Amino acid sequence: MNPYATYQSNSVTTALPQDLTLMLYEGLIKFAMMAKRNIEQGNIQEKNMYIQKAQAIITELQLTLNKSISLSTDLNNLYDYMQGRLIDANIKNDVTAIDEVIGFAEEFRETWKEAMKLARQR
C-alpha cells in the first residue's frame, strides 16, 4: 500500500463521526464535479462511475440519519430528491441536474461545518 493510501485509510478509521459526515459531503461534491466534467467531455463510462459513487455517498448519508429527530425526515426527502437528480443526470447527461446536486451538497457541507463549530464552543 502506498503512503498516501495508508494515510487516507487511517484518517477515515480514526475520524470522529461528525468528521466522517463532513468527509461524505466533500466526497459527494468531488464525485459530482467529476461526473459533470465527464459529461462535458463525453466520457460516458467515467460519468456513470462518478455518479454511482455520488449516489453511494448519498445512500450512506441516508443510512446515518437519526430517525428520532424530526429534521431527519426532511433531510431524507432532500437526499431522495438528489438521488433522482443524479439519475436524471446519468440518463440525460444533464449538467444542470449535477449542478443542483452540487449546490445542495455545498450548502449541507457549510451548514455541517457551522454546526461542528458551534458544538465545539459548548
PDB file of N, CA and C in Angstrom:
ATOM      1  N   MET A   1       0.856  -1.178   0.000  1.00  0.00           N
ATOM      2  CA  MET A   1       0.000   0.000   0.000  1.00  0.00           C
ATOM      3  C   MET A   1       0.901   1.238   0.000  1.00  0.00           C
ATOM      4  N   ASN A   2       0.574   2.205  -0.830  1.00  0.00           N
ATOM      5  CA  ASN A   2       1.402   3.411  -0.872  1.00  0.00           C
ATOM      6  C   ASN A   2       1.111   4.304   0.334  1.00  0.00           C
ATOM      7  N   PRO A   3       2.041   5.179   0.662  1.00  0.00           N
ATOM      8  CA  PRO A   3       1.880   6.013   1.862  1.00  0.00           C
ATOM      9  C   PRO A   3       0.625   6.882   1.857  1.00  0.00           C
ATOM     10  N   TYR A   4       0.243   7.411   0.692  1.00  0.00           N
ATOM     11  CA  TYR A   4      -0.956   8.247   0.629  1.00  0.00           C
ATOM     12  C   TYR A   4      -2.200   7.430   0.944  1.00  0.00           C
ATOM     13  N   ALA A   5      -2.282   6.223   0.394  1.00  0.00           N
ATOM     14  CA  ALA A   5      -3.435   5.357   0.651  1.00  0.00           C
ATOM     15  C   ALA A   5      -3.494   4.966   2.124  1.00  0.00           C
ATOM     16  N   THR A   6      -2.348   4.725   2.739  1.00  0.00           N
ATOM     17  CA  THR A   6      -2.301   4.394   4.162  1.00  0.00           C
ATOM     18  C   THR A   6      -2.798   5.576   4.989  1.00  0.00           C
ATOM     19  N   TYR A   7      -2.323   6.771   4.661  1.00  0.00           N
ATOM     20  CA  TYR A   7      -2.771   7.972   5.363  1.00  0.00           C
ATOM     21  C   TYR A   7      -4.275   8.156   5.220  1.00  0.00           C
ATOM     22  N   GLN A   8      -4.754   7.996   3.989  1.00  0.00           N
ATOM     23  CA  GLN A   8      -6.177   8.183   3.729  1.00  0.00           C
ATOM     24  C   GLN A   8      -7.006   7.173   4.515  1.00  0.00           C
ATOM     25  N   SER A   9      -6.573   5.941   4.540  1.00  0.00           N
ATOM     26  CA  SER A   9      -7.290   4.901   5.283  1.00  0.00           C
ATOM     27  C   SER A   9      -7.294   5.200   6.773  1.00  0.00           C
ATOM     28  N   ASN A  10      -6.148   5.619   7.297  1.00  0.00           N
ATOM     29  CA  ASN A  10      -6.047   5.947   8.725  1.00  0.00           C
ATOM     30  C   ASN A  10      -6.905   7.153   9.089  1.00  0.00           C
ATOM     31  N   SER A  11      -6.989   8.137   8.197  1.00  0.00           N
ATOM     32  CA  SER A  11      -7.780   9.328   8.507  1.00  0.00           C
ATOM     33  C   SER A  11      -9.263   8.989   8.601  1.00  0.00           C
ATOM     34  N   VAL A  12      -9.717   8.021   7.833  1.00  0.00           N
ATOM     35  CA  VAL A  12     -11.127   7.622   7.892  1.00  0.00           C
ATOM     36  C   VAL A  12     -11.393   6.765   9.120  1.00  0.00           C
ATOM     37  N   THR A  13     -10.508   5.810   9.394  1.00  0.00           N
ATOM     38  CA  THR A  13     -10.753   4.886  10.504  1.00  0.00           C
ATOM     39  C   THR A  13     -10.597   5.545  11.869  1.00  0.00           C
ATOM     40  N   THR A  14      -9.892   6.653  11.943  1.00  0.00           N
ATOM     41  CA  THR A  14      -9.699   7.325  13.234  1.00  0.00           C
ATOM     42  C   THR A  14     -10.542   8.592  13.375  1.00  0.00           C
ATOM     43  N   ALA A  15     -11.341   8.917  12.371  1.00  0.00           N
ATOM     44  CA  ALA A  15     -12.127  10.156  12.400  1.00  0.00           C
ATOM     45  C   ALA A  15     -13.323  10.028  13.335  1.00  0.00           C
ATOM     46  N   LEU A  16     -13.698  11.144  13.911  1.00  0.00           N
ATOM     47  CA  LEU A  16     -14.912  11.216  14.718  1.00  0.00           C
ATOM     48  C   LEU A  16     -16.127  11.160  13.792  1.00  0.00           C
ATOM     49  N   PRO A  17     -17.288  10.714  14.290  1.00  0.00           N
ATOM     50  CA  PRO A  17     -18.479  10.620  13.430  1.00  0.00           C
ATOM     51  C   PRO A  17     -18.823  11.928  12.710  1.00  0.00           C
ATOM     52  N   GLN A  18     -18.701  13.049  13.408  1.00  0.00           N
ATOM     53  CA  GLN A  18     -19.018  14.326  12.765  1.00  0.00           C
ATOM     54  C   GLN A  18     -18.032  14.654  11.642  1.00  0.00           C
ATOM     55  N   ASP A  19     -16.776  14.220  11.809  1.00  0.00           N
ATOM     56  CA  ASP A  19     -15.792  14.436  10.755  1.00  0.00           C
ATOM     57  C   ASP A  19     -16.080  13.538   9.555  1.00  0.00           C
ATOM     58  N   LEU A  20     -16.563  12.327   9.821  1.00  0.00           N
ATOM     59  CA  LEU A  20     -16.915  11.414   8.727  1.00  0.00           C
ATOM     60  C   LEU A  20     -18.045  11.992   7.879  1.00  0.00           C
ATOM     61  N   THR A  21     -19.020  12.607   8.535  1.00  0.00           N
ATOM     62  CA  THR A  21     -20.122  13.225   7.791  1.00  0.00           C
ATOM     63  C   THR A  21     -19.585  14.335   6.891  1.00  0.00           C
ATOM     64  N   LEU A  22     -18.691  15.132   7.415  1.00  0.00           N
ATOM     65  CA  LEU A  22     -18.076  16.188   6.609  1.00  0.00           C
ATOM     66  C   LEU A  22     -17.329  15.582   5.419  1.00  0.00           C
ATOM     67  N   MET A  23     -16.605  14.496   5.660  1.00  0.00           N
ATOM     68  CA  MET A  23     -15.891  13.819   4.570  1.00  0.00           C
ATOM     69  C   MET A  23     -16.858  13.300   3.515  1.00  0.00           C
ATOM     70  N   LEU A  24     -18.013  12.817   3.947  1.00  0.00           N
ATOM     71  CA  LEU A  24     -19.014  12.340   2.989  1.00  0.00           C
ATOM     72  C   LEU A  24     -19.505  13.481   2.109  1.00  0.00           C
ATOM     73  N   TYR A  25     -19.798  14.624   2.713  1.00  0.00           N
ATOM     74  CA  TYR A  25     -20.232  15.771   1.911  1.00  0.00           C
ATOM     75  C   TYR A  25     -19.145  16.195   0.922  1.00  0.00           C
ATOM     76  N   GLU A  26     -17.910  16.212   1.377  1.00  0.00           N
ATOM     77  CA  GLU A  26     -16.813  16.600   0.488  1.00  0.00           C
ATOM     78  C   GLU A  26     -16.637  15.591  -0.645  1.00  0.00           C
ATOM     79  N   GLY A  27     -16.773  14.310  -0.328  1.00  0.00           N
ATOM     80  CA  GLY A  27     -16.687  13.286  -1.362  1.00  0.00           C
ATOM     81  C   GLY A  27     -17.818  13.398  -2.368  1.00  0.00           C
ATOM     82  N   LEU A  28     -19.007  13.695  -1.876  1.00  0.00           N
ATOM     83  CA  LEU A  28     -20.165  13.868  -2.758  1.00  0.00           C
ATOM     84  C   LEU A  28     -19.919  15.008  -3.739  1.00  0.00           C
ATOM     85  N   ILE A  29     -19.418  16.118  -3.233  1.00  0.00           N
ATOM     86  CA  ILE A  29     -19.123  17.269  -4.101  1.00  0.00           C
ATOM     87  C   ILE A  29     -18.057  16.890  -5.125  1.00  0.00           C
ATOM     88  N   LYS A  30     -17.010  16.244  -4.664  1.00  0.00           N
ATOM     89  CA  LYS A  30     -15.910  15.848  -5.545  1.00  0.00           C
ATOM     90  C   LYS A  30     -16.399  14.940  -6.666  1.00  0.00           C
ATOM     91  N   PHE A  31     -17.156  13.888  -6.321  1.00  0.00           N
ATOM     92  CA  PHE A  31     -17.592  12.941  -7.344  1.00  0.00           C
ATOM     93  C   PHE A  31     -18.625  13.560  -8.284  1.00  0.00           C
ATOM     94  N   ALA A  32     -19.489  14.419  -7.774  1.00  0.00           N
ATOM     95  CA  ALA A  32     -20.460  15.091  -8.635  1.00  0.00           C
ATOM     96  C   ALA A  32     -19.744  16.024  -9.617  1.00  0.00           C
ATOM     97  N   MET A  33     -18.721  16.711  -9.154  1.00  0.00           N
ATOM     98  CA  MET A  33     -17.961  17.600 -10.042  1.00  0.00           C
ATOM     99  C   MET A  33     -17.221  16.787 -11.110  1.00  0.00           C
ATOM    100  N   MET A  34     -16.704  15.630 -10.711  1.00  0.00           N
ATOM    101  CA  MET A  34     -16.015  14.778 -11.688  1.00  0.00           C
ATOM    102  C   MET A  34     -17.007  14.217 -12.706  1.00  0.00           C
ATOM    103  N   ALA A  35     -18.215  13.879 -12.250  1.00  0.00           N
ATOM    104  CA  ALA A  35     -19.252  13.409 -13.170  1.00  0.00           C
ATOM    105  C   ALA A  35     -19.595  14.517 -14.167  1.00  0.00           C
ATOM    106  N   LYS A  36     -19.743  15.731 -13.670  1.00  0.00           N
ATOM    107  CA  LYS A  36     -20.062  16.867 -14.539  1.00  0.00           C
ATOM    108  C   LYS A  36     -18.977  17.053 -15.602  1.00  0.00           C
ATOM    109  N   ARG A  37     -17.730  17.009 -15.162  1.00  0.00           N
ATOM    110  CA  ARG A  37     -16.614  17.186 -16.105  1.00  0.00           C
ATOM    111  C   ARG A  37     -16.659  16.095 -17.184  1.00  0.00           C
ATOM    112  N   ASN A  38     -16.965  14.869 -16.779  1.00  0.00           N
ATOM    113  CA  ASN A  38     -17.014  13.780 -17.742  1.00  0.00           C
ATOM    114  C   ASN A  38     -18.215  13.880 -18.674  1.00  0.00           C
ATOM    115  N   ILE A  39     -19.326  14.426 -18.203  1.00  0.00           N
ATOM    116  CA  ILE A  39     -20.459  14.691 -19.104  1.00  0.00           C
ATOM    117  C   ILE A  39     -20.013  15.692 -20.169  1.00  0.00           C
ATOM    118  N   GLU A  40     -19.372  16.762 -19.719  1.00  0.00           N
ATOM    119  CA  GLU A  40     -18.928  17.814 -20.643  1.00  0.00           C
ATOM    120  C   GLU A  40     -17.919  17.300 -21.665  1.00  0.00           C
ATOM    121  N   GLN A  41     -17.119  16.296 -21.267  1.00  0.00           N
ATOM    122  CA  GLN A  41     -16.099  15.747 -22.155  1.00  0.00           C
ATOM    123  C   GLN A  41     -16.593  14.541 -22.954  1.00  0.00           C
ATOM    124  N   GLY A  42     -17.835  14.120 -22.688  1.00  0.00           N
ATOM    125  CA  GLY A  42     -18.390  12.991 -23.423  1.00  0.00           C
ATOM    126  C   GLY A  42     -17.878  11.627 -22.979  1.00  0.00           C
ATOM    127  N   ASN A  43     -17.324  11.551 -21.781  1.00  0.00           N
ATOM    128  CA  ASN A  43     -16.821  10.290 -21.248  1.00  0.00           C
ATOM    129  C   ASN A  43     -17.936   9.589 -20.466  1.00  0.00           C
ATOM    130  N   ILE A  44     -18.715   8.801 -21.172  1.00  0.00           N
ATOM    131  CA  ILE A  44     -19.931   8.217 -20.610  1.00  0.00           C
ATOM    132  C   ILE A  44     -19.623   7.213 -19.493  1.00  0.00           C
ATOM    133  N   GLN A  45     -18.650   6.338 -19.690  1.00  0.00           N
ATOM    134  CA  GLN A  45     -18.338   5.346 -18.657  1.00  0.00           C
ATOM    135  C   GLN A  45     -17.870   6.010 -17.364  1.00  0.00           C
ATOM    136  N   GLU A  46     -16.982   6.980 -17.489  1.00  0.00           N
ATOM    137  CA  GLU A  46     -16.461   7.662 -16.309  1.00  0.00           C
ATOM    138  C   GLU A  46     -17.573   8.449 -15.614  1.00  0.00           C
ATOM    139  N   LYS A  47     -18.427   9.106 -16.413  1.00  0.00           N
ATOM    140  CA  LYS A  47     -19.563   9.845 -15.851  1.00  0.00           C
ATOM    141  C   LYS A  47     -20.418   8.925 -15.008  1.00  0.00           C
ATOM    142  N   ASN A  48     -20.743   7.777 -15.546  1.00  0.00           N
ATOM    143  CA  ASN A  48     -21.574   6.802 -14.841  1.00  0.00           C
ATOM    144  C   ASN A  48     -20.913   6.352 -13.540  1.00  0.00           C
ATOM    145  N   MET A  49     -19.609   6.085 -13.597  1.00  0.00           N
ATOM    146  CA  MET A  49     -18.882   5.635 -12.407  1.00  0.00           C
ATOM    147  C   MET A  49     -18.932   6.690 -11.298  1.00  0.00           C
ATOM    148  N   TYR A  50     -18.710   7.953 -11.652  1.00  0.00           N
ATOM    149  CA  TYR A  50     -18.700   9.010 -10.642  1.00  0.00           C
ATOM    150  C   TYR A  50     -20.103   9.302 -10.106  1.00  0.00           C
ATOM    151  N   ILE A  51     -21.106   9.195 -10.961  1.00  0.00           N
ATOM    152  CA  ILE A  51     -22.478   9.372 -10.481  1.00  0.00           C
ATOM    153  C   ILE A  51     -22.827   8.259  -9.506  1.00  0.00           C
ATOM    154  N   GLN A  52     -22.414   7.036  -9.805  1.00  0.00           N
ATOM    155  CA  GLN A  52     -22.678   5.925  -8.897  1.00  0.00           C
ATOM    156  C   GLN A  52     -21.983   6.130  -7.551  1.00  0.00           C
ATOM    157  N   LYS A  53     -20.774   6.671  -7.575  1.00  0.00           N
ATOM    158  CA  LYS A  53     -20.065   6.959  -6.325  1.00  0.00           C
ATOM    159  C   LYS A  53     -20.797   8.032  -5.526  1.00  0.00           C
ATOM    160  N   ALA A  54     -21.282   9.062  -6.213  1.00  0.00           N
ATOM    161  CA  ALA A  54     -22.045  10.117  -5.541  1.00  0.00           C
ATOM    162  C   ALA A  54     -23.327   9.540  -4.947  1.00  0.00           C
ATOM    163  N   GLN A  55     -23.989   8.663  -5.684  1.00  0.00           N
ATOM    164  CA  GLN A  55     -25.211   8.034  -5.187  1.00  0.00           C
ATOM    165  C   GLN A  55     -24.932   7.174  -3.956  1.00  0.00           C
ATOM    166  N   ALA A  56     -23.811   6.476  -3.963  1.00  0.00           N
ATOM    167  CA  ALA A  56     -23.448   5.639  -2.809  1.00  0.00           C
ATOM    168  C   ALA A  56     -23.229   6.503  -1.570  1.00  0.00           C
ATOM    169  N   ILE A  57     -22.654   7.674  -1.748  1.00  0.00           N
ATOM    170  CA  ILE A  57     -22.439   8.582  -0.614  1.00  0.00           C
ATOM    171  C   ILE A  57     -23.776   9.085  -0.087  1.00  0.00           C
ATOM    172  N   ILE A  58     -24.681   9.441  -0.977  1.00  0.00           N
ATOM    173  CA  ILE A  58     -25.999   9.896  -0.518  1.00  0.00           C
ATOM    174  C   ILE A  58     -26.697   8.774   0.238  1.00  0.00           C
ATOM    175  N   THR A  59     -26.592   7.556  -0.253  1.00  0.00           N
ATOM    176  CA  THR A  59     -27.187   6.412   0.445  1.00  0.00           C
ATOM    177  C   THR A  59     -26.592   6.269   1.835  1.00  0.00           C
ATOM    178  N   GLU A  60     -25.298   6.438   1.951  1.00  0.00           N
ATOM    179  CA  GLU A  60     -24.642   6.358   3.268  1.00  0.00           C
ATOM    180  C   GLU A  60     -25.139   7.477   4.181  1.00  0.00           C
ATOM    181  N   LEU A  61     -25.285   8.661   3.649  1.00  0.00           N
ATOM    182  CA  LEU A  61     -25.821   9.773   4.447  1.00  0.00           C
ATOM    183  C   LEU A  61     -27.241   9.455   4.927  1.00  0.00           C
ATOM    184  N   GLN A  62     -28.028   8.826   4.069  1.00  0.00           N
ATOM    185  CA  GLN A  62     -29.391   8.456   4.453  1.00  0.00           C
ATOM    186  C   GLN A  62     -29.375   7.400   5.559  1.00  0.00           C
ATOM    187  N   LEU A  63     -28.463   6.455   5.464  1.00  0.00           N
ATOM    188  CA  LEU A  63     -28.388   5.382   6.461  1.00  0.00           C
ATOM    189  C   LEU A  63     -27.951   5.890   7.834  1.00  0.00           C
ATOM    190  N   THR A  64     -27.228   6.993   7.842  1.00  0.00           N
ATOM    191  CA  THR A  64     -26.721   7.506   9.118  1.00  0.00           C
ATOM    192  C   THR A  64     -27.655   8.513   9.779  1.00  0.00           C
ATOM    193  N   LEU A  65     -28.792   8.808   9.142  1.00  0.00           N
ATOM    194  CA  LEU A  65     -29.738   9.752   9.746  1.00  0.00           C
ATOM    195  C   LEU A  65     -30.303   9.190  11.050  1.00  0.00           C
ATOM    196  N   ASN A  66     -30.409  10.060  12.039  1.00  0.00           N
ATOM    197  CA  ASN A  66     -31.024   9.690  13.316  1.00  0.00           C
ATOM    198  C   ASN A  66     -32.532   9.849  13.149  1.00  0.00           C
ATOM    199  N   LYS A  67     -33.215   8.721  13.001  1.00  0.00           N
ATOM    200  CA  LYS A  67     -34.654   8.749  12.687  1.00  0.00           C
ATOM    201  C   LYS A  67     -35.516   9.318  13.822  1.00  0.00           C
ATOM    202  N   SER A  68     -34.937   9.459  15.014  1.00  0.00           N
ATOM    203  CA  SER A  68     -35.717  10.001  16.132  1.00  0.00           C
ATOM    204  C   SER A  68     -35.797  11.528  16.103  1.00  0.00           C
ATOM    205  N   ILE A  69     -35.069  12.147  15.211  1.00  0.00           N
ATOM    206  CA  ILE A  69     -35.090  13.606  15.072  1.00  0.00           C
ATOM    207  C   ILE A  69     -35.976  13.957  13.888  1.00  0.00           C
ATOM    208  N   SER A  70     -36.926  14.863  14.091  1.00  0.00           N
ATOM    209  CA  SER A  70     -37.900  15.186  13.035  1.00  0.00           C
ATOM    210  C   SER A  70     -37.235  15.744  11.774  1.00  0.00           C
ATOM    211  N   LEU A  71     -36.149  16.447  11.922  1.00  0.00           N
ATOM    212  CA  LEU A  71     -35.433  17.007  10.771  1.00  0.00           C
ATOM    213  C   LEU A  71     -34.945  15.906   9.824  1.00  0.00           C
ATOM    214  N   SER A  72     -34.749  14.712  10.357  1.00  0.00           N
ATOM    215  CA  SER A  72     -34.250  13.606   9.538  1.00  0.00           C
ATOM    216  C   SER A  72     -35.179  13.281   8.376  1.00  0.00           C
ATOM    217  N   THR A  73     -36.471  13.400   8.592  1.00  0.00           N
ATOM    218  CA  THR A  73     -37.429  13.120   7.518  1.00  0.00           C
ATOM    219  C   THR A  73     -37.233  14.106   6.368  1.00  0.00           C
ATOM    220  N   ASP A  74     -37.071  15.384   6.703  1.00  0.00           N
ATOM    221  CA  ASP A  74     -36.853  16.396   5.670  1.00  0.00           C
ATOM    222  C   ASP A  74     -35.535  16.166   4.937  1.00  0.00           C
ATOM    223  N   LEU A  75     -34.488  15.848   5.704  1.00  0.00           N
ATOM    224  CA  LEU A  75     -33.192  15.572   5.081  1.00  0.00           C
ATOM    225  C   LEU A  75     -33.285  14.361   4.168  1.00  0.00           C
ATOM    226  N   ASN A  76     -33.948  13.318   4.633  1.00  0.00           N
ATOM    227  CA  ASN A  76     -34.094  12.117   3.823  1.00  0.00           C
ATOM    228  C   ASN A  76     -34.817  12.424   2.517  1.00  0.00           C
ATOM    229  N   ASN A  77     -35.853  13.274   2.585  1.00  0.00           N
ATOM    230  CA  ASN A  77     -36.572  13.668   1.367  1.00  0.00           C
ATOM    231  C   ASN A  77     -35.664  14.444   0.413  1.00  0.00           C
ATOM    232  N   LEU A  78     -34.811  15.310   0.957  1.00  0.00           N
ATOM    233  CA  LEU A  78     -33.861  16.041   0.109  1.00  0.00           C
ATOM    234  C   LEU A  78     -32.836  15.089  -0.507  1.00  0.00           C
ATOM    235  N   TYR A  79     -32.370  14.130   0.277  1.00  0.00           N
ATOM    236  CA  TYR A  79     -31.423  13.135  -0.261  1.00  0.00           C
ATOM    237  C   TYR A  79     -32.093  12.324  -1.374  1.00  0.00           C
ATOM    238  N   ASP A  80     -33.372  11.950  -1.186  1.00  0.00           N
ATOM    239  CA  ASP A  80     -34.099  11.233  -2.243  1.00  0.00           C
ATOM    240  C   ASP A  80     -34.182  12.081  -3.510  1.00  0.00           C
ATOM    241  N   TYR A  81     -34.453  13.366  -3.336  1.00  0.00           N
ATOM    242  CA  TYR A  81     -34.524  14.279  -4.476  1.00  0.00           C
ATOM    243  C   TYR A  81     -33.171  14.331  -5.197  1.00  0.00           C
ATOM    244  N   MET A  82     -32.096  14.420  -4.418  1.00  0.00           N
ATOM    245  CA  MET A  82     -30.764  14.458  -5.010  1.00  0.00           C
ATOM    246  C   MET A  82     -30.474  13.162  -5.779  1.00  0.00           C
ATOM    247  N   GLN A  83     -30.892  12.033  -5.219  1.00  0.00           N
ATOM    248  CA  GLN A  83     -30.715  10.754  -5.920  1.00  0.00           C
ATOM    249  C   GLN A  83     -31.437  10.802  -7.271  1.00  0.00           C
ATOM    250  N   GLY A  84     -32.652  11.322  -7.266  1.00  0.00           N
ATOM    251  CA  GLY A  84     -33.412  11.432  -8.510  1.00  0.00           C
ATOM    252  C   GLY A  84     -32.740  12.329  -9.533  1.00  0.00           C
ATOM    253  N   ARG A  85     -32.171  13.419  -9.053  1.00  0.00           N
ATOM    254  CA  ARG A  85     -31.465  14.340  -9.965  1.00  0.00           C
ATOM    255  C   ARG A  85     -30.213  13.684 -10.542  1.00  0.00           C
ATOM    256  N   LEU A  86     -29.541  12.852  -9.737  1.00  0.00           N
ATOM    257  CA  LEU A  86     -28.371  12.139 -10.253  1.00  0.00           C
ATOM    258  C   LEU A  86     -28.788  11.113 -11.307  1.00  0.00           C
ATOM    259  N   ILE A  87     -29.936  10.487 -11.103  1.00  0.00           N
ATOM    260  CA  ILE A  87     -30.452   9.557 -12.113  1.00  0.00           C
ATOM    261  C   ILE A  87     -30.742  10.324 -13.409  1.00  0.00           C
ATOM    262  N   ASP A  88     -31.390  11.487 -13.281  1.00  0.00           N
ATOM    263  CA  ASP A  88     -31.652  12.330 -14.461  1.00  0.00           C
ATOM    264  C   ASP A  88     -30.346  12.687 -15.170  1.00  0.00           C
ATOM    265  N   ALA A  89     -29.360  13.082 -14.381  1.00  0.00           N
ATOM    266  CA  ALA A  89     -28.069  13.473 -14.957  1.00  0.00           C
ATOM    267  C   ALA A  89     -27.436  12.310 -15.703  1.00  0.00           C
ATOM    268  N   ASN A  90     -27.563  11.121 -15.138  1.00  0.00           N
ATOM    269  CA  ASN A  90     -26.944   9.951 -15.749  1.00  0.00           C
ATOM    270  C   ASN A  90     -27.658   9.551 -17.032  1.00  0.00           C
ATOM    271  N   ILE A  91     -28.978   9.575 -17.016  1.00  0.00           N
ATOM    272  CA  ILE A  91     -29.753   9.158 -18.190  1.00  0.00           C
ATOM    273  C   ILE A  91     -29.673  10.192 -19.315  1.00  0.00           C
ATOM    274  N   LYS A  92     -29.779  11.476 -18.931  1.00  0.00           N
ATOM    275  CA  LYS A  92     -29.900  12.545 -19.933  1.00  0.00           C
ATOM    276  C   LYS A  92     -28.618  13.344 -20.144  1.00  0.00           C
ATOM    277  N   ASN A  93     -27.533  12.966 -19.435  1.00  0.00           N
ATOM    278  CA  ASN A  93     -26.294  13.752 -19.479  1.00  0.00           C
ATOM    279  C   ASN A  93     -26.587  15.215 -19.153  1.00  0.00           C
ATOM    280  N   ASP A  94     -27.342  15.410 -18.086  1.00  0.00           N
ATOM    281  CA  ASP A  94     -27.870  16.715 -17.692  1.00  0.00           C
ATOM    282  C   ASP A  94     -26.944  17.397 -16.673  1.00  0.00           C
ATOM    283  N   VAL A  95     -26.173  18.351 -17.166  1.00  0.00           N
ATOM    284  CA  VAL A  95     -25.242  19.089 -16.313  1.00  0.00           C
ATOM    285  C   VAL A  95     -25.991  19.944 -15.285  1.00  0.00           C
ATOM    286  N   THR A  96     -27.160  20.436 -15.649  1.00  0.00           N
ATOM    287  CA  THR A  96     -27.955  21.251 -14.733  1.00  0.00           C
ATOM    288  C   THR A  96     -28.359  20.440 -13.505  1.00  0.00           C
ATOM    289  N   ALA A  97     -28.711  19.184 -13.703  1.00  0.00           N
ATOM    290  CA  ALA A  97     -29.080  18.314 -12.584  1.00  0.00           C
ATOM    291  C   ALA A  97     -27.886  18.093 -11.662  1.00  0.00           C
ATOM    292  N   ILE A  98     -26.717  17.911 -12.248  1.00  0.00           N
ATOM    293  CA  ILE A  98     -25.495  17.744 -11.446  1.00  0.00           C
ATOM    294  C   ILE A  98     -25.210  19.017 -10.661  1.00  0.00           C
ATOM    295  N   ASP A  99     -25.346  20.162 -11.304  1.00  0.00           N
ATOM    296  CA  ASP A  99     -25.109  21.437 -10.618  1.00  0.00           C
ATOM    297  C   ASP A  99     -26.039  21.599  -9.418  1.00  0.00           C
ATOM    298  N   GLU A 100     -27.278  21.153  -9.577  1.00  0.00           N
ATOM    299  CA  GLU A 100     -28.236  21.243  -8.486  1.00  0.00           C
ATOM    300  C   GLU A 100     -27.794  20.391  -7.293  1.00  0.00           C
ATOM    301  N   VAL A 101     -27.328  19.188  -7.579  1.00  0.00           N
ATOM    302  CA  VAL A 101     -26.834  18.298  -6.521  1.00  0.00           C
ATOM    303  C   VAL A 101     -25.613  18.913  -5.846  1.00  0.00           C
ATOM    304  N   ILE A 102     -24.717  19.453  -6.628  1.00  0.00           N
ATOM    305  CA  ILE A 102     -23.517  20.096  -6.066  1.00  0.00           C
ATOM    306  C   ILE A 102     -23.927  21.251  -5.158  1.00  0.00           C
ATOM    307  N   GLY A 103     -24.888  22.050  -5.593  1.00  0.00           N
ATOM    308  CA  GLY A 103     -25.359  23.174  -4.782  1.00  0.00           C
ATOM    309  C   GLY A 103     -25.905  22.726  -3.434  1.00  0.00           C
ATOM    310  N   PHE A 104     -26.757  21.688  -3.449  1.00  0.00           N
ATOM    311  CA  PHE A 104     -27.279  21.154  -2.187  1.00  0.00           C
ATOM    312  C   PHE A 104     -26.132  20.648  -1.309  1.00  0.00           C
ATOM    313  N   ALA A 105     -25.226  19.884  -1.907  1.00  0.00           N
ATOM    314  CA  ALA A 105     -24.128  19.293  -1.135  1.00  0.00           C
ATOM    315  C   ALA A 105     -23.238  20.372  -0.523  1.00  0.00           C
ATOM    316  N   GLU A 106     -22.979  21.427  -1.265  1.00  0.00           N
ATOM    317  CA  GLU A 106     -22.167  22.522  -0.726  1.00  0.00           C
ATOM    318  C   GLU A 106     -22.876  23.216   0.427  1.00  0.00           C
ATOM    319  N   GLU A 107     -24.186  23.406   0.307  1.00  0.00           N
ATOM    320  CA  GLU A 107     -24.949  24.009   1.411  1.00  0.00           C
ATOM    321  C   GLU A 107     -24.927  23.107   2.642  1.00  0.00           C
ATOM    322  N   PHE A 108     -25.139  21.813   2.435  1.00  0.00           N
ATOM    323  CA  PHE A 108     -25.092  20.862   3.551  1.00  0.00           C
ATOM    324  C   PHE A 108     -23.723  20.882   4.224  1.00  0.00           C
ATOM    325  N   ARG A 109     -22.671  20.896   3.386  1.00  0.00           N
ATOM    326  CA  ARG A 109     -21.309  20.900   3.942  1.00  0.00           C
ATOM    327  C   ARG A 109     -21.073  22.141   4.792  1.00  0.00           C
ATOM    328  N   GLU A 110     -21.455  23.303   4.299  1.00  0.00           N
ATOM    329  CA  GLU A 110     -21.230  24.546   5.048  1.00  0.00           C
ATOM    330  C   GLU A 110     -22.062  24.584   6.324  1.00  0.00           C
ATOM    331  N   THR A 111     -23.286  24.115   6.248  1.00  0.00           N
ATOM    332  CA  THR A 111     -24.139  24.055   7.444  1.00  0.00           C
ATOM    333  C   THR A 111     -23.545  23.104   8.468  1.00  0.00           C
ATOM    334  N   TRP A 112     -23.043  21.967   7.992  1.00  0.00           N
ATOM    335  CA  TRP A 112     -22.440  20.979   8.891  1.00  0.00           C
ATOM    336  C   TRP A 112     -21.188  21.550   9.549  1.00  0.00           C
ATOM    337  N   LYS A 113     -20.360  22.246   8.790  1.00  0.00           N
ATOM    338  CA  LYS A 113     -19.160  22.882   9.356  1.00  0.00           C
ATOM    339  C   LYS A 113     -19.543  23.866  10.464  1.00  0.00           C
ATOM    340  N   GLU A 114     -20.582  24.658  10.212  1.00  0.00           N
ATOM    341  CA  GLU A 114     -21.027  25.640  11.202  1.00  0.00           C
ATOM    342  C   GLU A 114     -21.557  24.940  12.459  1.00  0.00           C
ATOM    343  N   ALA A 115     -22.307  23.868  12.259  1.00  0.00           N
ATOM    344  CA  ALA A 115     -22.822  23.108  13.409  1.00  0.00           C
ATOM    345  C   ALA A 115     -21.678  22.510  14.226  1.00  0.00           C
ATOM    346  N   MET A 116     -20.646  22.012  13.552  1.00  0.00           N
ATOM    347  CA  MET A 116     -19.485  21.460  14.260  1.00  0.00           C
ATOM    348  C   MET A 116     -18.781  22.550  15.063  1.00  0.00           C
ATOM    349  N   LYS A 117     -18.672  23.718  14.459  1.00  0.00           N
ATOM    350  CA  LYS A 117     -18.008  24.850  15.125  1.00  0.00           C
ATOM    351  C   LYS A 117     -18.795  25.249  16.380  1.00  0.00           C
ATOM    352  N   LEU A 118     -20.108  25.340  16.258  1.00  0.00           N
ATOM    353  CA  LEU A 118     -20.951  25.698  17.402  1.00  0.00           C
ATOM    354  C   LEU A 118     -20.895  24.631  18.493  1.00  0.00           C
ATOM    355  N   ALA A 119     -20.849  23.375  18.120  1.00  0.00           N
ATOM    356  CA  ALA A 119     -20.781  22.285  19.091  1.00  0.00           C
ATOM    357  C   ALA A 119     -19.473  22.321  19.882  1.00  0.00           C
ATOM    358  N   ARG A 120     -18.401  22.715  19.225  1.00  0.00           N
ATOM    359  CA  ARG A 120     -17.097  22.802  19.905  1.00  0.00           C
ATOM    360  C   ARG A 120     -17.037  23.946  20.900  1.00  0.00           C
ATOM    361  N   GLN A 121     -17.865  24.969  20.677  1.00  0.00           N
ATOM    362  CA  GLN A 121     -17.856  26.132  21.569  1.00  0.00           C
ATOM    363  C   GLN A 121     -18.599  25.865  22.859  1.00  0.00           C
ATOM    364  N   ARG A 122     -19.349  24.795  22.929  1.00  0.00           N
ATOM    365  CA  ARG A 122     -20.116  24.488  24.138  1.00  0.00           C
ATOM    366  C   ARG A 122     -19.266  23.881  25.204  1.00  0.00           C
TER     367      ARG A 122
END
